[in-house]
Amino acid sequence: MQSELVEICSSKFNVYSRIIPEAEVASFTRREECPACGATEAAVPAVQIGAIDWTSSISVDVCGDCGHVYYDNPPPQEVMNDYYRSEWMKDQDSAKTLDDYSVKPMDKIARLFASMNISDKNVRILDVGCGAGTKLLGLKEAGYTDLSGCEMSDQRVEITSRYFPGKIYNVGYSGVPKDNKFYIIYSSHVVEHMYNPRDFFSWAAAALEDDGFIVISLPNAEKEPVFQQVLFLPHLHSFSPLSLHRLGETHGFQSTFWQGANQAEIMCVFTRN
C-alpha cells in the first residue's frame, strides 16, 4: 500500500506536461495568509504531498478560522497560467478537435439569474473563465443580449468566439479592459483554480457597477471526496460555504446561497453591503 500511495503522490506533480522535480518544489513560495478569509496564523497543515524520500513537499493546509482547504505552496502563478493557456482543453477533451467540437447551451446560470428577478435583459454580463461558451449560450437563449467573456485557453477562445465574435477576451480576469463595468460578473467552476481568489474579488469589486452582482459557482468542499481535494492540483482551493462567505465578506459583500444548486456544488450571489 505504501508504494501505491507514493506513486499516486508523485504523479500529482505532472503539471503543464512535465513532472515537477523536488528541487523546483523546494522553491515554491508559501502563502502568508488564508486565501479565503485572510487569516495569518490559522493554517493547520493537513497533508504533505511528495515522494517518500523527498525533504520538500507541497503542503495542503486547512484554515482554522474559516475551514478553507488550500495548497500552501502551489506552483507559481505563471506555471499555472501557462498550463491553462496551452494544456487545459487538451487534458479535458483530448479526443476532439476544434472542427468537431459542438457546444450545447447550459441553462443553469440562466435559471439562477431568473430567480434573482433581473428584469432588464440588456444588462452587461461577463463570464470569467467562459470556456467553450456553454453558459453564455444558455444566457443568450434566455434572452440576455450584452454578453462577453474572458478565457485563458487559446483553443476555447477560438470556439467561443464563433458564437460571440469580438466579445471574448483571450486573457485572465485582470486583462479585461479596465474601463469596462459590468452589472453581473459570474464565474462557474473557475475560482477554485485561481492562484489568489482575494485578488479576483478585489478586481471584481472595481469592475462591478454599484448595484451589480458577483455570482460564483464551484465544488462544495463539504461534499467533495478528500482525495479529489488533495490530489487534483488544478483545484488550488476547496471552498466550503463558510469560506466562500468569508471571502466575499472581506471585500464588503454579503452572500446569498442559491438553493437550486446540486449538493456537490455551491452557487452564491454576492451584493455590496
Protein backbone atom coordinates (compact mmCIF):
# COMPACT_ATOMS: atom_id res chain seq x y z
CA MET A 1 0.00 0.00 0.00
CA GLN A 2 2.81 2.41 0.82
CA SER A 3 4.40 2.10 -2.64
CA GLU A 4 0.99 2.69 -4.29
CA LEU A 5 0.50 5.88 -2.26
CA VAL A 6 3.93 7.15 -3.20
CA GLU A 7 3.18 6.55 -6.87
CA ILE A 8 -0.12 8.44 -6.62
CA CYS A 9 1.51 11.34 -4.80
CA SER A 10 4.45 11.55 -7.20
CA SER A 11 2.18 11.63 -10.25
CA LYS A 12 0.44 14.60 -8.66
CA PHE A 13 3.24 16.86 -9.84
CA ASN A 14 2.52 16.34 -13.53
CA VAL A 15 1.65 19.91 -14.48
CA TYR A 16 1.97 21.52 -17.91
CA SER A 17 3.03 18.18 -19.47
CA ARG A 18 6.09 17.76 -17.29
CA ILE A 19 7.00 16.29 -13.95
CA ILE A 20 7.96 18.90 -11.37
CA PRO A 21 11.11 17.76 -9.54
CA GLU A 22 11.72 18.10 -5.82
CA ALA A 23 14.28 20.90 -6.31
CA GLU A 24 11.62 23.00 -8.02
CA VAL A 25 9.05 22.19 -5.34
CA ALA A 26 11.56 23.47 -2.76
CA SER A 27 11.48 26.87 -4.46
CA PHE A 28 7.69 27.29 -4.31
CA THR A 29 6.61 30.25 -2.17
CA ARG A 30 4.45 29.58 0.86
CA ARG A 31 1.34 31.65 1.46
CA GLU A 32 1.36 34.11 4.35
CA GLU A 33 -2.41 34.18 4.81
CA CYS A 34 -5.55 32.18 4.13
CA PRO A 35 -6.56 32.89 0.52
CA ALA A 36 -10.23 33.00 1.54
CA CYS A 37 -10.52 34.93 4.81
CA GLY A 38 -7.04 36.44 5.11
CA ALA A 39 -6.21 34.89 8.49
CA THR A 40 -2.44 34.97 9.04
CA GLU A 41 -1.93 32.50 11.90
CA ALA A 42 -4.67 29.92 11.47
CA ALA A 43 -3.19 27.49 8.93
CA VAL A 44 -3.20 23.85 10.02
CA PRO A 45 -1.05 21.54 7.82
CA ALA A 46 -3.15 18.54 6.82
CA VAL A 47 -1.32 16.59 4.09
CA GLN A 48 2.22 16.62 2.71
CA ILE A 49 2.43 15.55 -0.96
CA GLY A 50 5.65 14.21 -2.45
CA ALA A 51 7.77 11.11 -2.85
CA ILE A 52 8.64 9.35 0.37
CA ASP A 53 12.35 10.27 0.22
CA TRP A 54 11.78 13.97 -0.51
CA THR A 55 12.74 16.59 2.05
CA SER A 56 10.49 19.20 0.38
CA SER A 57 6.83 18.69 -0.41
CA ILE A 58 3.64 20.50 -1.30
CA SER A 59 1.52 21.14 1.76
CA VAL A 60 -2.27 21.06 1.87
CA ASP A 61 -3.48 23.30 4.70
CA VAL A 62 -6.82 23.93 6.40
CA CYS A 63 -7.65 27.38 7.75
CA GLY A 64 -8.60 27.15 11.41
CA ASP A 65 -10.79 30.27 11.09
CA CYS A 66 -12.95 29.54 8.03
CA GLY A 67 -12.20 25.89 7.15
CA HIS A 68 -10.81 26.71 3.72
CA VAL A 69 -8.66 23.91 2.22
CA TYR A 70 -5.79 25.07 0.02
CA TYR A 71 -2.31 24.36 -1.31
CA ASP A 72 0.05 26.32 0.90
CA ASN A 73 2.90 26.31 -1.66
CA PRO A 74 1.49 25.63 -5.14
CA PRO A 75 3.47 26.02 -8.38
CA PRO A 76 3.99 29.70 -9.29
CA GLN A 77 1.15 31.54 -10.94
CA GLU A 78 2.96 31.77 -14.27
CA VAL A 79 3.28 27.96 -14.41
CA MET A 80 -0.44 27.51 -13.78
CA ASN A 81 -1.29 30.26 -16.30
CA ASP A 82 0.80 28.56 -19.00
CA TYR A 83 -0.97 25.30 -18.22
CA TYR A 84 -4.41 26.82 -18.71
CA ARG A 85 -3.40 28.68 -21.86
CA SER A 86 -1.97 25.68 -23.68
CA GLU A 87 -2.84 22.40 -21.99
CA TRP A 88 -6.19 22.67 -20.22
CA MET A 89 -8.51 21.87 -23.11
CA LYS A 90 -6.25 19.06 -24.32
CA ASP A 91 -6.37 17.45 -20.89
CA GLN A 92 -10.13 17.84 -20.56
CA ASP A 93 -11.17 16.91 -24.08
CA SER A 94 -8.27 15.28 -25.89
CA ALA A 95 -10.49 13.24 -28.23
CA LYS A 96 -11.95 16.28 -30.01
CA THR A 97 -10.55 18.81 -32.44
CA LEU A 98 -11.78 22.35 -32.92
CA ASP A 99 -13.60 21.36 -36.10
CA ASP A 100 -15.75 18.66 -34.48
CA TYR A 101 -16.34 20.42 -31.16
CA SER A 102 -20.03 21.25 -30.79
CA VAL A 103 -21.24 23.46 -27.94
CA LYS A 104 -24.55 22.81 -26.18
CA PRO A 105 -26.11 25.65 -24.19
CA MET A 106 -26.21 25.25 -20.41
CA ASP A 107 -29.20 26.84 -18.70
CA LYS A 108 -28.11 26.56 -15.04
CA ILE A 109 -26.78 30.12 -14.79
CA ALA A 110 -29.84 31.41 -16.64
CA ARG A 111 -32.11 29.70 -14.10
CA LEU A 112 -30.17 31.31 -11.25
CA PHE A 113 -30.48 34.72 -12.91
CA ALA A 114 -34.23 34.16 -13.31
CA SER A 115 -34.51 33.52 -9.57
CA MET A 116 -32.80 36.90 -8.99
CA ASN A 117 -35.69 38.64 -10.81
CA ILE A 118 -33.46 40.51 -13.23
CA SER A 119 -35.97 42.24 -15.49
CA ASP A 120 -33.55 44.02 -17.83
CA LYS A 121 -32.12 41.52 -20.31
CA ASN A 122 -29.74 44.17 -21.69
CA VAL A 123 -27.52 44.44 -18.60
CA ARG A 124 -23.78 43.93 -19.17
CA ILE A 125 -22.66 40.42 -18.17
CA LEU A 126 -19.12 39.00 -18.04
CA ASP A 127 -18.33 35.28 -17.78
CA VAL A 128 -14.89 34.87 -16.16
CA GLY A 129 -13.35 31.65 -17.46
CA CYS A 130 -16.03 31.22 -20.11
CA GLY A 131 -14.54 28.02 -21.54
CA ALA A 132 -16.27 26.90 -24.72
CA GLY A 133 -19.21 29.24 -24.11
CA THR A 134 -21.88 26.86 -22.80
CA LYS A 135 -23.12 29.24 -20.08
CA LEU A 136 -23.03 32.27 -22.38
CA LEU A 137 -25.10 30.38 -24.94
CA GLY A 138 -27.59 29.45 -22.22
CA LEU A 139 -27.93 33.12 -21.29
CA LYS A 140 -28.32 34.08 -24.94
CA GLU A 141 -31.15 31.56 -25.31
CA ALA A 142 -32.75 33.09 -22.21
CA GLY A 143 -32.80 36.49 -23.92
CA TYR A 144 -29.76 38.27 -22.49
CA THR A 145 -28.08 40.45 -25.09
CA ASP A 146 -24.90 42.09 -23.74
CA LEU A 147 -22.70 39.06 -23.14
CA SER A 148 -18.92 38.84 -23.02
CA GLY A 149 -16.31 36.55 -21.52
CA CYS A 150 -12.65 36.08 -20.77
CA GLU A 151 -10.75 32.82 -21.13
CA MET A 152 -7.06 31.87 -20.99
CA SER A 153 -7.20 28.81 -23.25
CA ASP A 154 -6.47 29.85 -26.83
CA GLN A 155 -8.48 26.91 -28.18
CA ARG A 156 -11.55 27.62 -26.09
CA VAL A 157 -11.44 31.29 -27.05
CA GLU A 158 -11.49 30.26 -30.71
CA ILE A 159 -14.54 28.08 -30.09
CA THR A 160 -16.48 30.66 -28.07
CA SER A 161 -15.65 33.49 -30.46
CA ARG A 162 -17.54 31.62 -33.20
CA TYR A 163 -20.73 32.31 -31.24
CA PHE A 164 -19.74 35.68 -29.73
CA PRO A 165 -17.38 37.38 -32.20
CA GLY A 166 -15.46 40.28 -30.74
CA LYS A 167 -16.83 39.64 -27.23
CA ILE A 168 -14.30 37.15 -25.85
CA TYR A 169 -11.06 38.34 -24.28
CA ASN A 170 -8.15 35.91 -24.55
CA VAL A 171 -6.88 36.87 -21.08
CA GLY A 172 -7.37 36.20 -17.40
CA TYR A 173 -9.76 38.45 -15.50
CA SER A 174 -7.10 41.08 -14.77
CA GLY A 175 -6.56 41.57 -18.51
CA VAL A 176 -10.15 42.68 -19.19
CA PRO A 177 -10.07 46.39 -20.21
CA LYS A 178 -10.29 48.48 -17.06
CA ASP A 179 -12.78 50.96 -18.44
CA ASN A 180 -15.42 48.20 -18.67
CA LYS A 181 -18.07 48.00 -15.96
CA PHE A 182 -20.46 45.06 -15.59
CA TYR A 183 -23.80 44.59 -13.90
CA ILE A 184 -23.11 40.88 -13.38
CA ILE A 185 -19.71 39.21 -13.14
CA TYR A 186 -20.08 35.47 -12.85
CA SER A 187 -17.68 32.58 -12.80
CA SER A 188 -18.62 28.91 -12.93
CA HIS A 189 -16.16 26.37 -11.50
CA VAL A 190 -13.19 28.69 -12.03
CA VAL A 191 -12.45 30.44 -8.71
CA GLU A 192 -11.16 27.19 -7.20
CA HIS A 193 -8.48 27.24 -9.92
CA MET A 194 -7.35 30.80 -9.20
CA TYR A 195 -3.99 31.41 -7.59
CA ASN A 196 -5.37 34.11 -5.30
CA PRO A 197 -9.19 34.38 -5.05
CA ARG A 198 -8.88 37.50 -2.90
CA ASP A 199 -7.19 39.30 -5.81
CA PHE A 200 -10.10 38.25 -8.01
CA PHE A 201 -12.64 39.73 -5.60
CA SER A 202 -10.68 42.98 -5.40
CA TRP A 203 -10.70 43.17 -9.21
CA ALA A 204 -14.40 42.24 -9.46
CA ALA A 205 -15.39 44.87 -6.89
CA ALA A 206 -13.70 47.53 -9.03
CA ALA A 207 -15.18 46.22 -12.31
CA LEU A 208 -18.74 45.92 -10.95
CA GLU A 209 -21.47 48.52 -11.28
CA ASP A 210 -22.52 49.93 -7.91
CA ASP A 211 -25.76 47.92 -7.77
CA GLY A 212 -24.35 44.87 -9.53
CA PHE A 213 -23.83 41.24 -8.56
CA ILE A 214 -20.98 38.77 -8.40
CA VAL A 215 -22.14 35.19 -8.98
CA ILE A 216 -19.85 32.28 -8.12
CA SER A 217 -20.36 28.53 -8.51
CA LEU A 218 -17.78 25.95 -7.51
CA PRO A 219 -17.41 22.49 -5.90
CA ASN A 220 -18.60 22.15 -2.32
CA ALA A 221 -15.70 21.03 -0.13
CA GLU A 222 -18.15 19.51 2.34
CA LYS A 223 -19.34 17.09 -0.38
CA GLU A 224 -16.12 16.69 -2.37
CA PRO A 225 -14.09 13.47 -1.84
CA VAL A 226 -10.93 14.03 0.21
CA PHE A 227 -8.70 12.51 -2.48
CA GLN A 228 -10.17 14.94 -5.03
CA GLN A 229 -9.31 17.86 -2.76
CA VAL A 230 -5.78 16.64 -2.07
CA LEU A 231 -4.68 15.17 -5.40
CA PHE A 232 -6.17 17.38 -8.10
CA LEU A 233 -3.64 20.18 -8.35
CA PRO A 234 -5.58 22.39 -10.81
CA HIS A 235 -8.02 22.93 -7.92
CA LEU A 236 -5.79 25.10 -5.77
CA HIS A 237 -8.66 25.63 -3.30
CA SER A 238 -11.58 23.74 -1.81
CA PHE A 239 -14.30 26.12 -0.62
CA SER A 240 -16.94 25.48 2.00
CA PRO A 241 -20.00 27.76 2.19
CA LEU A 242 -18.36 29.47 5.18
CA SER A 243 -15.02 30.12 3.47
CA LEU A 244 -16.77 31.45 0.34
CA HIS A 245 -18.93 33.71 2.51
CA ARG A 246 -15.84 34.98 4.34
CA LEU A 247 -14.07 35.64 1.02
CA GLY A 248 -16.89 37.97 -0.05
CA GLU A 249 -17.25 39.49 3.41
CA THR A 250 -13.61 40.62 3.49
CA HIS A 251 -14.34 42.67 0.34
CA GLY A 252 -17.57 44.29 1.55
CA PHE A 253 -20.08 41.82 0.08
CA GLN A 254 -22.94 39.92 1.63
CA SER A 255 -23.72 36.45 0.33
CA THR A 256 -26.90 34.60 -0.60
CA PHE A 257 -26.69 30.89 -1.44
CA TRP A 258 -28.92 29.59 -4.23
CA GLN A 259 -30.94 26.56 -3.23
CA GLY A 260 -31.23 25.40 -6.84
CA ALA A 261 -27.64 24.16 -6.87
CA ASN A 262 -26.99 20.45 -6.58
CA GLN A 263 -25.43 19.09 -3.38
CA ALA A 264 -21.98 18.77 -4.92
CA GLU A 265 -21.61 22.48 -5.62
CA ILE A 266 -22.07 25.91 -4.09
CA MET A 267 -23.75 28.71 -6.02
CA CYS A 268 -23.57 32.09 -4.33
CA VAL A 269 -24.74 35.60 -5.19
CA PHE A 270 -22.74 38.48 -3.72
CA THR A 271 -24.11 42.01 -3.29
CA ARG A 272 -22.47 45.03 -1.72
CA ASN A 273 -23.20 45.63 1.97
